[in-house]
C-alpha cells in the first residue's frame, strides 16, 4: 500500500480515509484480516498510537471488527460496504460540484461536461 499524507488534516483521519477508500474499491476485501497496528504503522510510517486511533475509529463506524485473539478484519456486511461506497461517492461529488461552481459552472453544465466527455471516450 502506498500512503500519502498532507498537512491539511490529522494523520489518523487521513489513515481512516485511505483505508475506507481501499475497502470501498475492493483493494481490501470483505473479511480480509488487517495487519497488526505495529505492522500497519511501520508500513505507513506513522506512530502506532496514530494507527490505533484510526483503526478504533473504523471499528466505531462498523467498517472493521476485532476478534479477540485473531486481530482486526474488514466487515463482511455487504450493506455496510455499499453504504461506505455511497458516502465516499457523495463526498467526491460534493467536492467536484463545489469546484465547478467556483469555476462558474452550474450543476447542469457540469453534468453536461461529464456526459460530453463520456460520449467522446466511446468514439
PDB file of N, CA and C in Angstrom:
ATOM      1  N   UNK A   1       0.839  -1.182   0.000  1.00  0.00           N
ATOM      2  CA  UNK A   1       0.000   0.000   0.000  1.00  0.00           C
ATOM      3  C   UNK A   1       0.881   1.242   0.000  1.00  0.00           C
ATOM      4  N   UNK A   2       0.445   2.216  -0.731  1.00  0.00           N
ATOM      5  CA  UNK A   2       1.173   3.477  -0.791  1.00  0.00           C
ATOM      6  C   UNK A   2       0.397   4.513   0.018  1.00  0.00           C
ATOM      7  N   UNK A   3       1.012   5.057   1.029  1.00  0.00           N
ATOM      8  CA  UNK A   3       0.377   6.022   1.920  1.00  0.00           C
ATOM      9  C   UNK A   3       0.852   7.422   1.567  1.00  0.00           C
ATOM     10  N   UNK A   4      -0.093   8.363   1.493  1.00  0.00           N
ATOM     11  CA  UNK A   4       0.220   9.763   1.202  1.00  0.00           C
ATOM     12  C   UNK A   4      -0.461  10.613   2.263  1.00  0.00           C
ATOM     13  N   UNK A   5       0.325  11.471   2.913  1.00  0.00           N
ATOM     14  CA  UNK A   5      -0.215  12.346   3.953  1.00  0.00           C
ATOM     15  C   UNK A   5       0.063  13.800   3.616  1.00  0.00           C
ATOM     16  N   UNK A   6      -0.893  14.649   3.944  1.00  0.00           N
ATOM     17  CA  UNK A   6      -0.776  16.083   3.704  1.00  0.00           C
ATOM     18  C   UNK A   6      -0.950  16.815   5.027  1.00  0.00           C
ATOM     19  N   UNK A   7      -0.551  18.084   5.084  1.00  0.00           N
ATOM     20  CA  UNK A   7      -0.654  18.823   6.344  1.00  0.00           C
ATOM     21  C   UNK A   7      -2.054  19.382   6.632  1.00  0.00           C
ATOM     22  N   UNK A   8      -3.047  19.100   5.781  1.00  0.00           N
ATOM     23  CA  UNK A   8      -4.358  19.736   5.919  1.00  0.00           C
ATOM     24  C   UNK A   8      -5.314  19.057   6.895  1.00  0.00           C
ATOM     25  N   UNK A   9      -4.958  17.869   7.422  1.00  0.00           N
ATOM     26  CA  UNK A   9      -5.853  17.158   8.344  1.00  0.00           C
ATOM     27  C   UNK A   9      -5.011  16.270   9.253  1.00  0.00           C
ATOM     28  N   UNK A  10      -5.559  15.902  10.414  1.00  0.00           N
ATOM     29  CA  UNK A  10      -4.829  14.996  11.296  1.00  0.00           C
ATOM     30  C   UNK A  10      -4.489  13.691  10.569  1.00  0.00           C
ATOM     31  N   UNK A  11      -3.317  13.149  10.855  1.00  0.00           N
ATOM     32  CA  UNK A  11      -2.842  11.937  10.189  1.00  0.00           C
ATOM     33  C   UNK A  11      -3.825  10.780  10.379  1.00  0.00           C
ATOM     34  N   UNK A  12      -4.356  10.618  11.601  1.00  0.00           N
ATOM     35  CA  UNK A  12      -5.242   9.476  11.830  1.00  0.00           C
ATOM     36  C   UNK A  12      -6.479   9.542  10.944  1.00  0.00           C
ATOM     37  N   UNK A  13      -7.003  10.760  10.684  1.00  0.00           N
ATOM     38  CA  UNK A  13      -8.159  10.888   9.792  1.00  0.00           C
ATOM     39  C   UNK A  13      -7.785  10.574   8.348  1.00  0.00           C
ATOM     40  N   UNK A  14      -6.558  10.919   7.964  1.00  0.00           N
ATOM     41  CA  UNK A  14      -6.101  10.579   6.623  1.00  0.00           C
ATOM     42  C   UNK A  14      -5.922   9.068   6.480  1.00  0.00           C
ATOM     43  N   UNK A  15      -5.465   8.412   7.549  1.00  0.00           N
ATOM     44  CA  UNK A  15      -5.357   6.952   7.538  1.00  0.00           C
ATOM     45  C   UNK A  15      -6.751   6.349   7.395  1.00  0.00           C
ATOM     46  N   UNK A  16      -7.716   6.870   8.159  1.00  0.00           N
ATOM     47  CA  UNK A  16      -9.101   6.393   8.071  1.00  0.00           C
ATOM     48  C   UNK A  16      -9.600   6.522   6.639  1.00  0.00           C
ATOM     49  N   UNK A  17      -9.422   7.706   6.035  1.00  0.00           N
ATOM     50  CA  UNK A  17      -9.896   7.945   4.664  1.00  0.00           C
ATOM     51  C   UNK A  17      -9.261   6.984   3.670  1.00  0.00           C
ATOM     52  N   UNK A  18      -7.961   6.796   3.798  1.00  0.00           N
ATOM     53  CA  UNK A  18      -7.273   5.926   2.849  1.00  0.00           C
ATOM     54  C   UNK A  18      -7.697   4.468   3.011  1.00  0.00           C
ATOM     55  N   UNK A  19      -7.897   4.026   4.242  1.00  0.00           N
ATOM     56  CA  UNK A  19      -8.370   2.658   4.451  1.00  0.00           C
ATOM     57  C   UNK A  19      -9.807   2.504   3.945  1.00  0.00           C
ATOM     58  N   UNK A  20     -10.644   3.515   4.176  1.00  0.00           N
ATOM     59  CA  UNK A  20     -12.011   3.464   3.654  1.00  0.00           C
ATOM     60  C   UNK A  20     -12.010   3.349   2.134  1.00  0.00           C
ATOM     61  N   UNK A  21     -11.146   4.098   1.476  1.00  0.00           N
ATOM     62  CA  UNK A  21     -11.060   4.032   0.021  1.00  0.00           C
ATOM     63  C   UNK A  21     -10.603   2.653  -0.442  1.00  0.00           C
ATOM     64  N   UNK A  22      -9.646   2.064   0.268  1.00  0.00           N
ATOM     65  CA  UNK A  22      -9.169   0.725  -0.090  1.00  0.00           C
ATOM     66  C   UNK A  22     -10.281  -0.313   0.076  1.00  0.00           C
ATOM     67  N   UNK A  23     -11.102  -0.135   1.101  1.00  0.00           N
ATOM     68  CA  UNK A  23     -12.212  -1.065   1.346  1.00  0.00           C
ATOM     69  C   UNK A  23     -13.300  -0.857   0.296  1.00  0.00           C
ATOM     70  N   UNK A  24     -13.671   0.391   0.059  1.00  0.00           N
ATOM     71  CA  UNK A  24     -14.740   0.689  -0.901  1.00  0.00           C
ATOM     72  C   UNK A  24     -14.378   0.244  -2.315  1.00  0.00           C
ATOM     73  N   UNK A  25     -13.100   0.338  -2.652  1.00  0.00           N
ATOM     74  CA  UNK A  25     -12.662  -0.026  -4.005  1.00  0.00           C
ATOM     75  C   UNK A  25     -12.382  -1.511  -4.164  1.00  0.00           C
ATOM     76  N   UNK A  26     -12.364  -2.246  -3.053  1.00  0.00           N
ATOM     77  CA  UNK A  26     -12.118  -3.680  -3.120  1.00  0.00           C
ATOM     78  C   UNK A  26     -10.658  -4.075  -2.977  1.00  0.00           C
ATOM     79  N   UNK A  27      -9.775  -3.107  -2.807  1.00  0.00           N
ATOM     80  CA  UNK A  27      -8.365  -3.439  -2.568  1.00  0.00           C
ATOM     81  C   UNK A  27      -8.264  -4.271  -1.297  1.00  0.00           C
ATOM     82  N   UNK A  28      -9.009  -3.861  -0.284  1.00  0.00           N
ATOM     83  CA  UNK A  28      -9.174  -4.674   0.926  1.00  0.00           C
ATOM     84  C   UNK A  28     -10.581  -5.261   0.851  1.00  0.00           C
ATOM     85  N   UNK A  29     -10.674  -6.575   0.799  1.00  0.00           N
ATOM     86  CA  UNK A  29     -11.950  -7.253   0.574  1.00  0.00           C
ATOM     87  C   UNK A  29     -12.675  -7.564   1.884  1.00  0.00           C
ATOM     88  N   UNK A  30     -13.994  -7.743   1.805  1.00  0.00           N
ATOM     89  CA  UNK A  30     -14.754  -8.137   2.994  1.00  0.00           C
ATOM     90  C   UNK A  30     -14.143  -9.386   3.626  1.00  0.00           C
ATOM     91  N   UNK A  31     -13.981  -9.340   4.934  1.00  0.00           N
ATOM     92  CA  UNK A  31     -13.431 -10.469   5.670  1.00  0.00           C
ATOM     93  C   UNK A  31     -11.920 -10.531   5.718  1.00  0.00           C
ATOM     94  N   UNK A  32     -11.237  -9.661   4.958  1.00  0.00           N
ATOM     95  CA  UNK A  32      -9.773  -9.658   4.984  1.00  0.00           C
ATOM     96  C   UNK A  32      -9.266  -9.340   6.385  1.00  0.00           C
ATOM     97  N   UNK A  33      -8.214 -10.049   6.786  1.00  0.00           N
ATOM     98  CA  UNK A  33      -7.538  -9.749   8.053  1.00  0.00           C
ATOM     99  C   UNK A  33      -6.582  -8.596   7.800  1.00  0.00           C
ATOM    100  N   UNK A  34      -6.619  -7.610   8.692  1.00  0.00           N
ATOM    101  CA  UNK A  34      -5.728  -6.463   8.586  1.00  0.00           C
ATOM    102  C   UNK A  34      -4.398  -6.769   9.262  1.00  0.00           C
ATOM    103  N   UNK A  35      -3.392  -6.027   8.865  1.00  0.00           N
ATOM    104  CA  UNK A  35      -2.106  -6.119   9.552  1.00  0.00           C
ATOM    105  C   UNK A  35      -2.275  -5.688  10.999  1.00  0.00           C
ATOM    106  N   UNK A  36      -1.320  -6.039  11.828  1.00  0.00           N
ATOM    107  CA  UNK A  36      -1.349  -5.568  13.210  1.00  0.00           C
ATOM    108  C   UNK A  36      -1.128  -4.050  13.226  1.00  0.00           C
ATOM    109  N   UNK A  37      -1.437  -3.432  14.348  1.00  0.00           N
ATOM    110  CA  UNK A  37      -1.235  -1.990  14.496  1.00  0.00           C
ATOM    111  C   UNK A  37       0.221  -1.634  14.206  1.00  0.00           C
ATOM    112  N   UNK A  38       1.134  -2.379  14.775  1.00  0.00           N
ATOM    113  CA  UNK A  38       2.560  -2.078  14.581  1.00  0.00           C
ATOM    114  C   UNK A  38       2.992  -2.278  13.128  1.00  0.00           C
ATOM    115  N   UNK A  39       2.507  -3.338  12.486  1.00  0.00           N
ATOM    116  CA  UNK A  39       2.852  -3.579  11.084  1.00  0.00           C
ATOM    117  C   UNK A  39       2.304  -2.464  10.190  1.00  0.00           C
ATOM    118  N   UNK A  40       1.027  -2.114  10.411  1.00  0.00           N
ATOM    119  CA  UNK A  40       0.407  -1.027   9.638  1.00  0.00           C
ATOM    120  C   UNK A  40       1.155   0.282   9.873  1.00  0.00           C
ATOM    121  N   UNK A  41       1.460   0.577  11.129  1.00  0.00           N
ATOM    122  CA  UNK A  41       2.148   1.829  11.465  1.00  0.00           C
ATOM    123  C   UNK A  41       3.513   1.893  10.795  1.00  0.00           C
ATOM    124  N   UNK A  42       4.226   0.783  10.810  1.00  0.00           N
ATOM    125  CA  UNK A  42       5.537   0.734  10.172  1.00  0.00           C
ATOM    126  C   UNK A  42       5.399   0.937   8.659  1.00  0.00           C
ATOM    127  N   UNK A  43       4.442   0.267   8.061  1.00  0.00           N
ATOM    128  CA  UNK A  43       4.217   0.386   6.622  1.00  0.00           C
ATOM    129  C   UNK A  43       3.855   1.817   6.227  1.00  0.00           C
ATOM    130  N   UNK A  44       3.001   2.465   7.030  1.00  0.00           N
ATOM    131  CA  UNK A  44       2.547   3.828   6.728  1.00  0.00           C
ATOM    132  C   UNK A  44       3.517   4.891   7.235  1.00  0.00           C
ATOM    133  N   UNK A  45       4.516   4.458   8.004  1.00  0.00           N
ATOM    134  CA  UNK A  45       5.494   5.376   8.594  1.00  0.00           C
ATOM    135  C   UNK A  45       4.817   6.397   9.517  1.00  0.00           C
ATOM    136  N   UNK A  46       3.918   5.877  10.380  1.00  0.00           N
ATOM    137  CA  UNK A  46       3.242   6.713  11.379  1.00  0.00           C
ATOM    138  C   UNK A  46       3.429   6.078  12.752  1.00  0.00           C
ATOM    139  N   UNK A  47       3.144   6.834  13.764  1.00  0.00           N
ATOM    140  CA  UNK A  47       3.223   6.363  15.140  1.00  0.00           C
ATOM    141  C   UNK A  47       2.160   5.276  15.362  1.00  0.00           C
ATOM    142  N   UNK A  48       2.490   4.201  16.091  1.00  0.00           N
ATOM    143  CA  UNK A  48       1.490   3.163  16.368  1.00  0.00           C
ATOM    144  C   UNK A  48       0.231   3.696  17.055  1.00  0.00           C
ATOM    145  N   UNK A  49       0.377   4.719  17.890  1.00  0.00           N
ATOM    146  CA  UNK A  49      -0.806   5.304  18.541  1.00  0.00           C
ATOM    147  C   UNK A  49      -1.732   5.948  17.517  1.00  0.00           C
ATOM    148  N   UNK A  50      -1.157   6.547  16.494  1.00  0.00           N
ATOM    149  CA  UNK A  50      -1.943   7.158  15.420  1.00  0.00           C
ATOM    150  C   UNK A  50      -2.716   6.072  14.675  1.00  0.00           C
ATOM    151  N   UNK A  51      -2.048   4.974  14.352  1.00  0.00           N
ATOM    152  CA  UNK A  51      -2.701   3.872  13.643  1.00  0.00           C
ATOM    153  C   UNK A  51      -3.787   3.247  14.513  1.00  0.00           C
ATOM    154  N   UNK A  52      -3.505   3.091  15.801  1.00  0.00           N
ATOM    155  CA  UNK A  52      -4.502   2.540  16.725  1.00  0.00           C
ATOM    156  C   UNK A  52      -5.746   3.415  16.739  1.00  0.00           C
ATOM    157  N   UNK A  53      -5.560   4.716  16.789  1.00  0.00           N
ATOM    158  CA  UNK A  53      -6.690   5.650  16.802  1.00  0.00           C
ATOM    159  C   UNK A  53      -7.510   5.526  15.517  1.00  0.00           C
ATOM    160  N   UNK A  54      -6.838   5.393  14.379  1.00  0.00           N
ATOM    161  CA  UNK A  54      -7.530   5.251  13.089  1.00  0.00           C
ATOM    162  C   UNK A  54      -8.327   3.947  13.040  1.00  0.00           C
ATOM    163  N   UNK A  55      -7.722   2.867  13.470  1.00  0.00           N
ATOM    164  CA  UNK A  55      -8.413   1.575  13.430  1.00  0.00           C
ATOM    165  C   UNK A  55      -9.581   1.538  14.410  1.00  0.00           C
ATOM    166  N   UNK A  56      -9.425   2.179  15.558  1.00  0.00           N
ATOM    167  CA  UNK A  56     -10.528   2.277  16.514  1.00  0.00           C
ATOM    168  C   UNK A  56     -11.686   3.065  15.907  1.00  0.00           C
ATOM    169  N   UNK A  57     -11.374   4.132  15.187  1.00  0.00           N
ATOM    170  CA  UNK A  57     -12.407   4.917  14.506  1.00  0.00           C
ATOM    171  C   UNK A  57     -13.154   4.052  13.483  1.00  0.00           C
ATOM    172  N   UNK A  58     -12.419   3.258  12.720  1.00  0.00           N
ATOM    173  CA  UNK A  58     -13.057   2.366  11.744  1.00  0.00           C
ATOM    174  C   UNK A  58     -13.922   1.314  12.433  1.00  0.00           C
ATOM    175  N   UNK A  59     -13.496   0.844  13.584  1.00  0.00           N
ATOM    176  CA  UNK A  59     -14.316  -0.090  14.365  1.00  0.00           C
ATOM    177  C   UNK A  59     -15.593   0.593  14.831  1.00  0.00           C
ATOM    178  N   UNK A  60     -15.463   1.821  15.321  1.00  0.00           N
ATOM    179  CA  UNK A  60     -16.642   2.572  15.776  1.00  0.00           C
ATOM    180  C   UNK A  60     -17.641   2.800  14.652  1.00  0.00           C
ATOM    181  N   UNK A  61     -17.154   2.892  13.418  1.00  0.00           N
ATOM    182  CA  UNK A  61     -18.021   3.099  12.244  1.00  0.00           C
ATOM    183  C   UNK A  61     -18.585   1.791  11.695  1.00  0.00           C
ATOM    184  N   UNK A  62     -18.144   0.668  12.267  1.00  0.00           N
ATOM    185  CA  UNK A  62     -18.649  -0.627  11.830  1.00  0.00           C
ATOM    186  C   UNK A  62     -18.026  -1.139  10.545  1.00  0.00           C
ATOM    187  N   UNK A  63     -16.901  -0.580  10.165  1.00  0.00           N
ATOM    188  CA  UNK A  63     -16.234  -0.970   8.923  1.00  0.00           C
ATOM    189  C   UNK A  63     -15.207  -2.069   9.195  1.00  0.00           C
ATOM    190  N   UNK A  64     -14.684  -2.077  10.397  1.00  0.00           N
ATOM    191  CA  UNK A  64     -13.688  -3.051  10.835  1.00  0.00           C
ATOM    192  C   UNK A  64     -14.194  -3.642  12.143  1.00  0.00           C
ATOM    193  N   UNK A  65     -13.878  -4.907  12.382  1.00  0.00           N
ATOM    194  CA  UNK A  65     -14.216  -5.513  13.667  1.00  0.00           C
ATOM    195  C   UNK A  65     -13.034  -6.309  14.182  1.00  0.00           C
ATOM    196  N   UNK A  66     -13.016  -6.522  15.491  1.00  0.00           N
ATOM    197  CA  UNK A  66     -11.929  -7.261  16.132  1.00  0.00           C
ATOM    198  C   UNK A  66     -12.395  -8.634  16.565  1.00  0.00           C
ATOM    199  N   UNK A  67     -11.497  -9.588  16.434  1.00  0.00           N
ATOM    200  CA  UNK A  67     -11.684 -10.907  17.042  1.00  0.00           C
ATOM    201  C   UNK A  67     -10.619 -11.005  18.115  1.00  0.00           C
ATOM    202  N   UNK A  68     -11.013 -11.342  19.278  1.00  0.00           N
ATOM    203  CA  UNK A  68     -10.170 -11.290  20.470  1.00  0.00           C
ATOM    204  C   UNK A  68      -8.712 -11.704  20.254  1.00  0.00           C
ATOM    205  N   UNK A  69      -8.451 -12.860  19.728  1.00  0.00           N
ATOM    206  CA  UNK A  69      -7.067 -13.313  19.597  1.00  0.00           C
ATOM    207  C   UNK A  69      -6.591 -13.375  18.147  1.00  0.00           C
ATOM    208  N   UNK A  70      -7.448 -13.003  17.212  1.00  0.00           N
ATOM    209  CA  UNK A  70      -7.109 -13.151  15.797  1.00  0.00           C
ATOM    210  C   UNK A  70      -6.762 -11.849  15.085  1.00  0.00           C
ATOM    211  N   UNK A  71      -7.118 -10.716  15.668  1.00  0.00           N
ATOM    212  CA  UNK A  71      -6.822  -9.430  15.048  1.00  0.00           C
ATOM    213  C   UNK A  71      -8.057  -8.701  14.545  1.00  0.00           C
ATOM    214  N   UNK A  72      -7.820  -7.805  13.609  1.00  0.00           N
ATOM    215  CA  UNK A  72      -8.905  -6.997  13.046  1.00  0.00           C
ATOM    216  C   UNK A  72      -9.197  -7.456  11.619  1.00  0.00           C
ATOM    217  N   UNK A  73     -10.480  -7.324  11.253  1.00  0.00           N
ATOM    218  CA  UNK A  73     -10.943  -7.764   9.946  1.00  0.00           C
ATOM    219  C   UNK A  73     -11.864  -6.724   9.332  1.00  0.00           C
ATOM    220  N   UNK A  74     -11.913  -6.719   7.990  1.00  0.00           N
ATOM    221  CA  UNK A  74     -12.862  -5.870   7.265  1.00  0.00           C
ATOM    222  C   UNK A  74     -14.246  -6.479   7.430  1.00  0.00           C
ATOM    223  N   UNK A  75     -15.250  -5.657   7.646  1.00  0.00           N
ATOM    224  CA  UNK A  75     -16.608  -6.165   7.763  1.00  0.00           C
ATOM    225  C   UNK A  75     -16.966  -6.997   6.541  1.00  0.00           C
ATOM    226  N   UNK A  76     -17.758  -8.018   6.770  1.00  0.00           N
ATOM    227  CA  UNK A  76     -18.233  -8.805   5.639  1.00  0.00           C
ATOM    228  C   UNK A  76     -19.711  -8.504   5.368  1.00  0.00           C
ATOM    229  N   UNK A  77     -20.180  -7.374   5.897  1.00  0.00           N
ATOM    230  CA  UNK A  77     -21.553  -6.920   5.686  1.00  0.00           C
ATOM    231  C   UNK A  77     -21.626  -6.138   4.371  1.00  0.00           C
ATOM    232  N   UNK A  78     -22.219  -6.711   3.324  1.00  0.00           N
ATOM    233  CA  UNK A  78     -22.253  -6.020   2.032  1.00  0.00           C
ATOM    234  C   UNK A  78     -23.017  -4.697   2.073  1.00  0.00           C
ATOM    235  N   UNK A  79     -24.020  -4.605   2.923  1.00  0.00           N
ATOM    236  CA  UNK A  79     -24.774  -3.350   3.044  1.00  0.00           C
ATOM    237  C   UNK A  79     -23.906  -2.247   3.633  1.00  0.00           C
ATOM    238  N   UNK A  80     -23.091  -2.590   4.614  1.00  0.00           N
ATOM    239  CA  UNK A  80     -22.207  -1.589   5.241  1.00  0.00           C
ATOM    240  C   UNK A  80     -21.170  -1.096   4.237  1.00  0.00           C
ATOM    241  N   UNK A  81     -20.618  -1.996   3.453  1.00  0.00           N
ATOM    242  CA  UNK A  81     -19.631  -1.605   2.447  1.00  0.00           C
ATOM    243  C   UNK A  81     -20.294  -0.772   1.352  1.00  0.00           C
ATOM    244  N   UNK A  82     -21.491  -1.154   0.939  1.00  0.00           N
ATOM    245  CA  UNK A  82     -22.229  -0.381  -0.067  1.00  0.00           C
ATOM    246  C   UNK A  82     -22.514   1.028   0.448  1.00  0.00           C
ATOM    247  N   UNK A  83     -22.905   1.120   1.712  1.00  0.00           N
ATOM    248  CA  UNK A  83     -23.164   2.432   2.318  1.00  0.00           C
ATOM    249  C   UNK A  83     -21.884   3.268   2.354  1.00  0.00           C
ATOM    250  N   UNK A  84     -20.764   2.643   2.685  1.00  0.00           N
ATOM    251  CA  UNK A  84     -19.477   3.335   2.708  1.00  0.00           C
ATOM    252  C   UNK A  84     -19.154   3.876   1.319  1.00  0.00           C
ATOM    253  N   UNK A  85     -19.326   3.056   0.289  1.00  0.00           N
ATOM    254  CA  UNK A  85     -19.059   3.491  -1.094  1.00  0.00           C
ATOM    255  C   UNK A  85     -19.920   4.701  -1.455  1.00  0.00           C
ATOM    256  N   UNK A  86     -21.205   4.643  -1.078  1.00  0.00           N
ATOM    257  CA  UNK A  86     -22.108   5.761  -1.374  1.00  0.00           C
ATOM    258  C   UNK A  86     -21.683   7.030  -0.632  1.00  0.00           C
ATOM    259  N   UNK A  87     -21.288   6.888   0.629  1.00  0.00           N
ATOM    260  CA  UNK A  87     -20.831   8.045   1.408  1.00  0.00           C
ATOM    261  C   UNK A  87     -19.596   8.680   0.778  1.00  0.00           C
ATOM    262  N   UNK A  88     -18.642   7.846   0.370  1.00  0.00           N
ATOM    263  CA  UNK A  88     -17.425   8.363  -0.249  1.00  0.00           C
ATOM    264  C   UNK A  88     -17.735   9.008  -1.595  1.00  0.00           C
ATOM    265  N   UNK A  89     -18.623   8.398  -2.368  1.00  0.00           N
ATOM    266  CA  UNK A  89     -19.015   8.968  -3.665  1.00  0.00           C
ATOM    267  C   UNK A  89     -19.690  10.319  -3.462  1.00  0.00           C
ATOM    268  N   UNK A  90     -20.546  10.420  -2.470  1.00  0.00           N
ATOM    269  CA  UNK A  90     -21.241  11.684  -2.198  1.00  0.00           C
ATOM    270  C   UNK A  90     -20.248  12.788  -1.846  1.00  0.00           C
ATOM    271  N   UNK A  91     -19.229  12.460  -1.054  1.00  0.00           N
ATOM    272  CA  UNK A  91     -18.201  13.453  -0.712  1.00  0.00           C
ATOM    273  C   UNK A  91     -17.453  13.917  -1.962  1.00  0.00           C
ATOM    274  N   UNK A  92     -17.130  12.971  -2.846  1.00  0.00           N
ATOM    275  CA  UNK A  92     -16.418  13.316  -4.076  1.00  0.00           C
ATOM    276  C   UNK A  92     -17.286  14.177  -4.994  1.00  0.00           C
ATOM    277  N   UNK A  93     -18.553  13.823  -5.098  1.00  0.00           N
ATOM    278  CA  UNK A  93     -19.479  14.596  -5.939  1.00  0.00           C
ATOM    279  C   UNK A  93     -19.624  16.008  -5.399  1.00  0.00           C
ATOM    280  N   UNK A  94     -19.784  16.129  -4.098  1.00  0.00           N
ATOM    281  CA  UNK A  94     -19.923  17.446  -3.472  1.00  0.00           C
ATOM    282  C   UNK A  94     -18.678  18.290  -3.715  1.00  0.00           C
ATOM    283  N   UNK A  95     -17.504  17.685  -3.561  1.00  0.00           N
ATOM    284  CA  UNK A  95     -16.253  18.421  -3.797  1.00  0.00           C
ATOM    285  C   UNK A  95     -16.147  18.834  -5.264  1.00  0.00           C
ATOM    286  N   UNK A  96     -16.481  17.928  -6.177  1.00  0.00           N
ATOM    287  CA  UNK A  96     -16.425  18.231  -7.607  1.00  0.00           C
ATOM    288  C   UNK A  96     -17.374  19.370  -7.961  1.00  0.00           C
ATOM    289  N   UNK A  97     -18.620  19.287  -7.488  1.00  0.00           N
ATOM    290  CA  UNK A  97     -19.593  20.333  -7.814  1.00  0.00           C
ATOM    291  C   UNK A  97     -19.191  21.673  -7.210  1.00  0.00           C
ATOM    292  N   UNK A  98     -18.585  21.642  -6.039  1.00  0.00           N
ATOM    293  CA  UNK A  98     -18.087  22.878  -5.435  1.00  0.00           C
ATOM    294  C   UNK A  98     -16.999  23.501  -6.288  1.00  0.00           C
ATOM    295  N   UNK A  99     -16.080  22.667  -6.782  1.00  0.00           N
ATOM    296  CA  UNK A  99     -15.003  23.167  -7.648  1.00  0.00           C
ATOM    297  C   UNK A  99     -15.576  23.721  -8.950  1.00  0.00           C
ATOM    298  N   UNK A 100     -16.551  23.037  -9.512  1.00  0.00           N
ATOM    299  CA  UNK A 100     -17.167  23.505 -10.764  1.00  0.00           C
ATOM    300  C   UNK A 100     -17.912  24.827 -10.540  1.00  0.00           C
ATOM    301  N   UNK A 101     -18.566  24.940  -9.395  1.00  0.00           N
ATOM    302  CA  UNK A 101     -19.274  26.185  -9.071  1.00  0.00           C
ATOM    303  C   UNK A 101     -18.285  27.342  -8.960  1.00  0.00           C
ATOM    304  N   UNK A 102     -17.141  27.084  -8.349  1.00  0.00           N
ATOM    305  CA  UNK A 102     -16.119  28.124  -8.238  1.00  0.00           C
ATOM    306  C   UNK A 102     -15.585  28.535  -9.616  1.00  0.00           C
ATOM    307  N   UNK A 103     -15.687  27.632 -10.582  1.00  0.00           N
ATOM    308  CA  UNK A 103     -15.286  27.945 -11.961  1.00  0.00           C
ATOM    309  C   UNK A 103     -16.422  28.595 -12.758  1.00  0.00           C
ATOM    310  N   UNK A 104     -17.573  28.731 -12.113  1.00  0.00           N
ATOM    311  CA  UNK A 104     -18.689  29.392 -12.775  1.00  0.00           C
ATOM    312  C   UNK A 104     -19.673  28.465 -13.466  1.00  0.00           C
ATOM    313  N   UNK A 105     -19.556  27.164 -13.251  1.00  0.00           N
ATOM    314  CA  UNK A 105     -20.480  26.204 -13.869  1.00  0.00           C
ATOM    315  C   UNK A 105     -21.640  25.898 -12.935  1.00  0.00           C
ATOM    316  N   UNK A 106     -22.818  25.710 -13.515  1.00  0.00           N
ATOM    317  CA  UNK A 106     -23.967  25.224 -12.747  1.00  0.00           C
ATOM    318  C   UNK A 106     -23.862  23.699 -12.686  1.00  0.00           C
ATOM    319  N   UNK A 107     -24.701  23.069 -11.850  1.00  0.00           N
ATOM    320  CA  UNK A 107     -24.688  21.606 -11.764  1.00  0.00           C
ATOM    321  C   UNK A 107     -25.040  20.989 -13.115  1.00  0.00           C
ATOM    322  N   UNK A 108     -26.023  21.573 -13.807  1.00  0.00           N
ATOM    323  CA  UNK A 108     -26.422  21.006 -15.099  1.00  0.00           C
ATOM    324  C   UNK A 108     -25.308  21.160 -16.134  1.00  0.00           C
ATOM    325  N   UNK A 109     -24.578  22.270 -16.084  1.00  0.00           N
ATOM    326  CA  UNK A 109     -23.453  22.454 -17.015  1.00  0.00           C
ATOM    327  C   UNK A 109     -22.335  21.444 -16.705  1.00  0.00           C
ATOM    328  N   UNK A 110     -22.086  21.211 -15.437  1.00  0.00           N
ATOM    329  CA  UNK A 110     -21.067  20.230 -15.043  1.00  0.00           C
ATOM    330  C   UNK A 110     -21.479  18.837 -15.503  1.00  0.00           C
ATOM    331  N   UNK A 111     -22.752  18.497 -15.341  1.00  0.00           N
ATOM    332  CA  UNK A 111     -23.253  17.197 -15.792  1.00  0.00           C
ATOM    333  C   UNK A 111     -23.103  17.060 -17.305  1.00  0.00           C
ATOM    334  N   UNK A 112     -23.356  18.139 -18.039  1.00  0.00           N
ATOM    335  CA  UNK A 112     -23.218  18.117 -19.491  1.00  0.00           C
ATOM    336  C   UNK A 112     -21.767  17.879 -19.882  1.00  0.00           C
ATOM    337  N   UNK A 113     -20.832  18.524 -19.184  1.00  0.00           N
ATOM    338  CA  UNK A 113     -19.412  18.310 -19.468  1.00  0.00           C
ATOM    339  C   UNK A 113     -19.021  16.838 -19.277  1.00  0.00           C
ATOM    340  N   UNK A 114     -19.531  16.232 -18.228  1.00  0.00           N
ATOM    341  CA  UNK A 114     -19.241  14.819 -17.966  1.00  0.00           C
ATOM    342  C   UNK A 114     -19.848  13.960 -19.066  1.00  0.00           C
ATOM    343  N   UNK A 115     -21.083  14.246 -19.406  1.00  0.00           N
ATOM    344  CA  UNK A 115     -21.767  13.492 -20.453  1.00  0.00           C
ATOM    345  C   UNK A 115     -21.033  13.607 -21.786  1.00  0.00           C
ATOM    346  N   UNK A 116     -20.619  14.822 -22.126  1.00  0.00           N
ATOM    347  CA  UNK A 116     -19.887  15.042 -23.378  1.00  0.00           C
ATOM    348  C   UNK A 116     -18.569  14.266 -23.373  1.00  0.00           C
ATOM    349  N   UNK A 117     -17.906  14.253 -22.244  1.00  0.00           N
ATOM    350  CA  UNK A 117     -16.625  13.540 -22.138  1.00  0.00           C
ATOM    351  C   UNK A 117     -16.826  12.044 -22.303  1.00  0.00           C
ATOM    352  N   UNK A 118     -17.884  11.509 -21.673  1.00  0.00           N
ATOM    353  CA  UNK A 118     -18.176  10.073 -21.792  1.00  0.00           C
ATOM    354  C   UNK A 118     -18.450   9.703 -23.244  1.00  0.00           C
ATOM    355  N   UNK A 119     -19.184  10.547 -23.950  1.00  0.00           N
ATOM    356  CA  UNK A 119     -19.507  10.270 -25.351  1.00  0.00           C
ATOM    357  C   UNK A 119     -18.246  10.274 -26.207  1.00  0.00           C
ATOM    358  N   UNK A 120     -17.326  11.186 -25.926  1.00  0.00           N
ATOM    359  CA  UNK A 120     -16.069  11.248 -26.688  1.00  0.00           C
ATOM    360  C   UNK A 120     -15.207  10.020 -26.436  1.00  0.00           C
ATOM    361  N   UNK A 121     -15.229   9.481 -25.216  1.00  0.00           N
ATOM    362  CA  UNK A 121     -14.419   8.318 -24.877  1.00  0.00           C
ATOM    363  C   UNK A 121     -14.925   7.059 -25.563  1.00  0.00           C
ATOM    364  N   UNK A 122     -16.199   7.029 -25.922  1.00  0.00           N
ATOM    365  CA  UNK A 122     -16.783   5.846 -26.569  1.00  0.00           C
ATOM    366  C   UNK A 122     -16.588   5.849 -28.075  1.00  0.00           C
ATOM    367  N   UNK A 123     -16.039   6.908 -28.594  1.00  0.00           N
ATOM    368  CA  UNK A 123     -15.857   7.017 -30.050  1.00  0.00           C
ATOM    369  C   UNK A 123     -14.580   6.318 -30.459  1.00  0.00           C
TER     370      UNK A 123
END
